[in-house]
Amino acid sequence: MFKNIILALLCSFLSLCCFSQSTWTIKKEEDGIALYTRTAAKSSLKEMKAVFYVKTSLSSIIALIDDIENYSQWVYKCGKSAILKKISETNQVHYQTVIVPWPLDNRDFVITTSLSQDETTKVITIKSSEIPNFIPNVKGFVRIQLLEASWILTPLKDGIVEIEYRLLVNPSGAIPAWVANLVVTDGPFNTMVNFKEWVMKPKYQAAKVSFIKELE
């Protein structure tokens, strides 16, 4: 009996902890994009979440996300982006630079990205995490040591896709608070605004990605 009470209290405590870690605060809502932040678990870092809706195909979205060489055209402050290793159609390693205001040093990062799709719901999940030692440090850049990102693409009725993007990043090195704010709020918001525009370009609208299944 006593053991059961302790177990019940422990489960309640863990549930409360999980709930508190899932509390998001909305920071901006504009152009159909809702931007939220929260303090990451076991860290003082801010985690960001953006949620918005686009009427388009899943293939068009994947075609844009997978067009890494063109990130500098629409991803906020991206200087260079390139695939380092193509492991499979759904798994790759890529390198990216981030241009930050002078006199701070620009940043760069290396991430591994994997994609999966639920066979029933057709929901696509893309997860990225840092692998900073994959290549040597590049002169003039501070290598980001912590970066976790994810896309969740949920197809809905009438060709609408709910897009959720999450980002947790430590820019590394000493940076002012206003620059850190660009990383977790202004930067992602501007990127999502550009995303909504770019995914409608004919190049991506015409894309048919062989391993992606659309909701019927």
Protein backbone atom coordinates (compact mmCIF):
# COMPACT_ATOMS: atom_id res chain seq x y z
CA MET A 1 0.00 0.00 0.00
CA PHE A 2 2.75 2.44 1.02
CA LYS A 3 4.75 1.55 -2.07
CA ASN A 4 1.74 2.25 -4.27
CA ILE A 5 1.27 5.68 -2.69
CA ILE A 6 4.93 6.56 -3.24
CA LEU A 7 4.71 5.37 -6.85
CA ALA A 8 1.60 7.47 -7.44
CA LEU A 9 3.24 10.57 -5.96
CA LEU A 10 6.35 10.02 -8.08
CA CYS A 11 4.28 9.69 -11.27
CA SER A 12 2.40 12.86 -10.39
CA PHE A 13 5.67 14.71 -9.82
CA LEU A 14 7.13 13.52 -13.12
CA SER A 15 3.96 14.53 -14.95
CA LEU A 16 4.13 17.98 -13.40
CA CYS A 17 7.79 18.32 -14.46
CA CYS A 18 6.99 17.30 -18.01
CA PHE A 19 4.12 19.77 -18.11
CA SER A 20 6.27 22.63 -16.86
CA GLN A 21 8.90 21.88 -19.50
CA SER A 22 6.23 22.01 -22.21
CA THR A 23 4.96 25.50 -21.39
CA TRP A 24 5.53 27.80 -24.33
CA THR A 25 5.24 31.59 -24.29
CA ILE A 26 4.16 33.28 -27.49
CA LYS A 27 6.63 35.96 -28.54
CA LYS A 28 5.31 37.02 -31.91
CA GLU A 29 2.31 36.37 -34.13
CA GLU A 30 2.44 37.96 -37.53
CA ASP A 31 2.01 37.02 -41.21
CA GLY A 32 0.26 33.82 -40.16
CA ILE A 33 3.30 32.67 -38.17
CA ALA A 34 3.14 32.06 -34.41
CA LEU A 35 6.52 32.12 -32.67
CA TYR A 36 6.96 30.66 -29.18
CA THR A 37 9.89 30.31 -26.77
CA ARG A 38 10.53 28.43 -23.56
CA THR A 39 13.51 27.72 -21.33
CA ALA A 40 15.04 24.41 -22.33
CA ALA A 41 15.15 21.57 -19.83
CA LYS A 42 18.32 21.50 -17.70
CA SER A 43 19.53 24.69 -19.36
CA SER A 44 19.13 28.47 -19.37
CA LEU A 45 18.98 28.43 -23.16
CA LYS A 46 15.82 29.48 -24.98
CA GLU A 47 14.14 26.95 -27.25
CA MET A 48 12.08 28.31 -30.15
CA LYS A 49 8.99 26.93 -31.89
CA ALA A 50 7.31 28.35 -35.00
CA VAL A 51 3.92 27.17 -36.21
CA PHE A 52 2.22 28.15 -39.47
CA TYR A 53 0.10 26.74 -42.30
CA VAL A 54 0.73 26.53 -46.03
CA LYS A 55 -1.45 25.18 -48.84
CA THR A 56 1.04 23.08 -50.76
CA SER A 57 2.26 19.53 -51.22
CA LEU A 58 4.59 17.68 -48.89
CA SER A 59 6.95 17.13 -51.84
CA SER A 60 7.27 20.88 -52.41
CA ILE A 61 8.25 21.40 -48.78
CA ILE A 62 10.81 18.59 -48.80
CA ALA A 63 12.22 19.82 -52.12
CA LEU A 64 12.84 23.24 -50.57
CA ILE A 65 14.30 21.92 -47.32
CA ASP A 66 16.52 19.52 -49.27
CA ASP A 67 17.80 22.27 -51.58
CA ILE A 68 20.59 23.05 -49.16
CA GLU A 69 22.85 24.86 -51.64
CA ASN A 70 20.24 27.63 -51.94
CA TYR A 71 19.76 28.25 -48.20
CA SER A 72 21.69 31.50 -48.48
CA GLN A 73 18.80 32.84 -50.58
CA TRP A 74 16.12 32.46 -47.90
CA VAL A 75 17.54 31.29 -44.56
CA TYR A 76 18.25 34.31 -42.36
CA LYS A 77 21.96 35.25 -42.22
CA CYS A 78 23.07 32.04 -43.93
CA GLY A 79 26.37 32.64 -45.67
CA LYS A 80 27.11 29.22 -47.13
CA SER A 81 25.43 25.84 -46.99
CA ALA A 82 26.58 22.57 -48.52
CA ILE A 83 26.03 18.83 -48.23
CA LEU A 84 29.11 17.12 -46.82
CA LYS A 85 27.86 13.54 -46.98
CA LYS A 86 24.76 11.98 -48.51
CA ILE A 87 24.18 8.85 -46.47
CA SER A 88 20.80 8.02 -48.01
CA GLU A 89 17.72 9.73 -49.42
CA THR A 90 16.59 10.46 -45.88
CA ASN A 91 19.87 10.96 -44.04
CA GLN A 92 22.68 13.42 -44.72
CA VAL A 93 25.33 15.65 -43.17
CA HIS A 94 25.53 19.30 -44.04
CA TYR A 95 27.67 22.35 -43.24
CA GLN A 96 26.38 25.88 -42.82
CA THR A 97 27.80 29.28 -41.91
CA VAL A 98 25.97 32.04 -40.05
CA ILE A 99 26.83 35.70 -40.61
CA VAL A 100 26.66 37.70 -37.38
CA PRO A 101 27.11 41.47 -36.81
CA TRP A 102 30.65 42.90 -36.68
CA PRO A 103 32.84 42.75 -34.60
CA LEU A 104 31.69 39.29 -33.54
CA ASP A 105 33.08 36.20 -35.24
CA ASN A 106 30.80 34.44 -37.69
CA ARG A 107 29.51 31.02 -36.67
CA ASP A 108 29.37 27.70 -38.45
CA PHE A 109 27.95 24.29 -37.72
CA VAL A 110 27.80 20.73 -38.98
CA ILE A 111 24.61 18.74 -38.49
CA THR A 112 23.28 15.32 -39.31
CA THR A 113 19.68 15.23 -40.52
CA SER A 114 17.24 12.33 -40.75
CA LEU A 115 13.73 12.18 -42.20
CA SER A 116 10.89 9.79 -41.48
CA GLN A 117 7.24 9.62 -42.57
CA ASP A 118 4.37 7.93 -40.80
CA GLU A 119 2.78 5.44 -43.19
CA THR A 120 -0.75 6.09 -41.92
CA THR A 121 -0.95 9.82 -41.15
CA LYS A 122 1.75 10.83 -43.69
CA VAL A 123 3.22 13.15 -41.04
CA ILE A 124 6.87 13.89 -41.80
CA THR A 125 9.42 14.39 -39.05
CA ILE A 126 12.87 15.79 -39.77
CA LYS A 127 15.41 15.88 -36.96
CA SER A 128 18.83 17.54 -36.96
CA SER A 129 21.60 17.56 -34.37
CA GLU A 130 25.13 18.87 -34.26
CA ILE A 131 28.27 16.84 -35.00
CA PRO A 132 30.88 19.61 -34.48
CA ASN A 133 33.92 17.39 -34.92
CA PHE A 134 32.89 15.97 -38.30
CA ILE A 135 35.30 18.39 -40.02
CA PRO A 136 38.13 20.56 -38.64
CA ASN A 137 37.36 24.06 -37.40
CA VAL A 138 37.34 26.72 -40.11
CA LYS A 139 39.48 29.84 -39.61
CA GLY A 140 37.39 32.91 -38.85
CA PHE A 141 34.39 30.93 -37.62
CA VAL A 142 33.28 29.82 -34.15
CA ARG A 143 31.96 26.26 -34.36
CA ILE A 144 28.52 25.87 -32.76
CA GLN A 145 28.65 23.00 -30.27
CA LEU A 146 24.93 22.61 -29.53
CA LEU A 147 22.19 22.67 -32.13
CA GLU A 148 18.99 20.65 -32.18
CA ALA A 149 16.29 21.34 -34.74
CA SER A 150 13.18 19.61 -36.03
CA TRP A 151 10.44 19.98 -38.60
CA ILE A 152 7.05 18.35 -38.16
CA LEU A 153 4.94 18.50 -41.31
CA THR A 154 1.33 17.49 -40.74
CA PRO A 155 -0.91 17.23 -43.82
CA LEU A 156 -4.50 18.33 -43.21
CA LYS A 157 -7.63 18.55 -45.35
CA ASP A 158 -7.83 20.54 -48.57
CA GLY A 159 -4.09 20.46 -49.22
CA ILE A 160 -3.16 22.41 -46.09
CA VAL A 161 0.05 21.47 -44.26
CA GLU A 162 0.70 22.45 -40.66
CA ILE A 163 4.39 23.23 -40.28
CA GLU A 164 6.09 23.21 -36.91
CA TYR A 165 9.75 24.11 -36.64
CA ARG A 166 11.74 23.88 -33.40
CA LEU A 167 15.24 25.13 -32.68
CA LEU A 168 17.53 24.88 -29.69
CA VAL A 169 20.98 26.38 -30.23
CA ASN A 170 23.88 27.66 -28.20
CA PRO A 171 25.68 30.19 -30.44
CA SER A 172 28.93 29.45 -28.54
CA GLY A 173 31.42 32.05 -27.39
CA ALA A 174 30.63 35.38 -25.75
CA ILE A 175 27.82 37.23 -27.51
CA PRO A 176 25.55 40.13 -26.44
CA ALA A 177 21.96 39.37 -25.43
CA TRP A 178 20.56 41.20 -28.47
CA VAL A 179 22.51 38.93 -30.80
CA ALA A 180 21.32 35.86 -28.93
CA ASN A 181 17.78 37.17 -29.39
CA LEU A 182 18.31 37.21 -33.16
CA VAL A 183 19.17 33.52 -32.97
CA VAL A 184 15.99 32.41 -31.17
CA THR A 185 13.38 34.90 -32.37
CA ASP A 186 14.10 37.36 -35.18
CA GLY A 187 16.19 34.98 -37.26
CA PRO A 188 13.75 32.05 -37.26
CA PHE A 189 10.77 34.34 -37.85
CA ASN A 190 12.36 35.93 -40.91
CA THR A 191 13.36 32.51 -42.17
CA MET A 192 9.77 31.24 -41.91
CA VAL A 193 8.44 34.32 -43.73
CA ASN A 194 10.88 33.59 -46.54
CA PHE A 195 10.00 29.90 -46.43
CA LYS A 196 6.32 30.64 -47.13
CA GLU A 197 7.33 32.66 -50.19
CA TRP A 198 9.97 30.30 -51.55
CA VAL A 199 7.94 27.09 -51.28
CA MET A 200 5.50 28.61 -53.78
CA LYS A 201 8.15 29.04 -56.47
CA PRO A 202 7.49 26.91 -59.59
CA LYS A 203 10.68 24.91 -59.04
CA TYR A 204 9.36 23.51 -55.76
CA GLN A 205 5.68 23.39 -56.68
CA ALA A 206 6.53 21.08 -59.56
CA ALA A 207 8.70 18.81 -57.42
CA LYS A 208 7.76 15.16 -56.93
CA VAL A 209 9.94 13.55 -54.27
CA SER A 210 9.95 9.80 -54.85
CA PHE A 211 10.10 8.72 -51.21
CA ILE A 212 7.38 11.13 -50.00
CA LYS A 213 3.74 10.04 -49.91
CA GLU A 214 0.96 12.64 -50.04
CA LEU A 215 -2.20 12.46 -47.95
CA GLU A 216 -5.05 11.19 -50.11
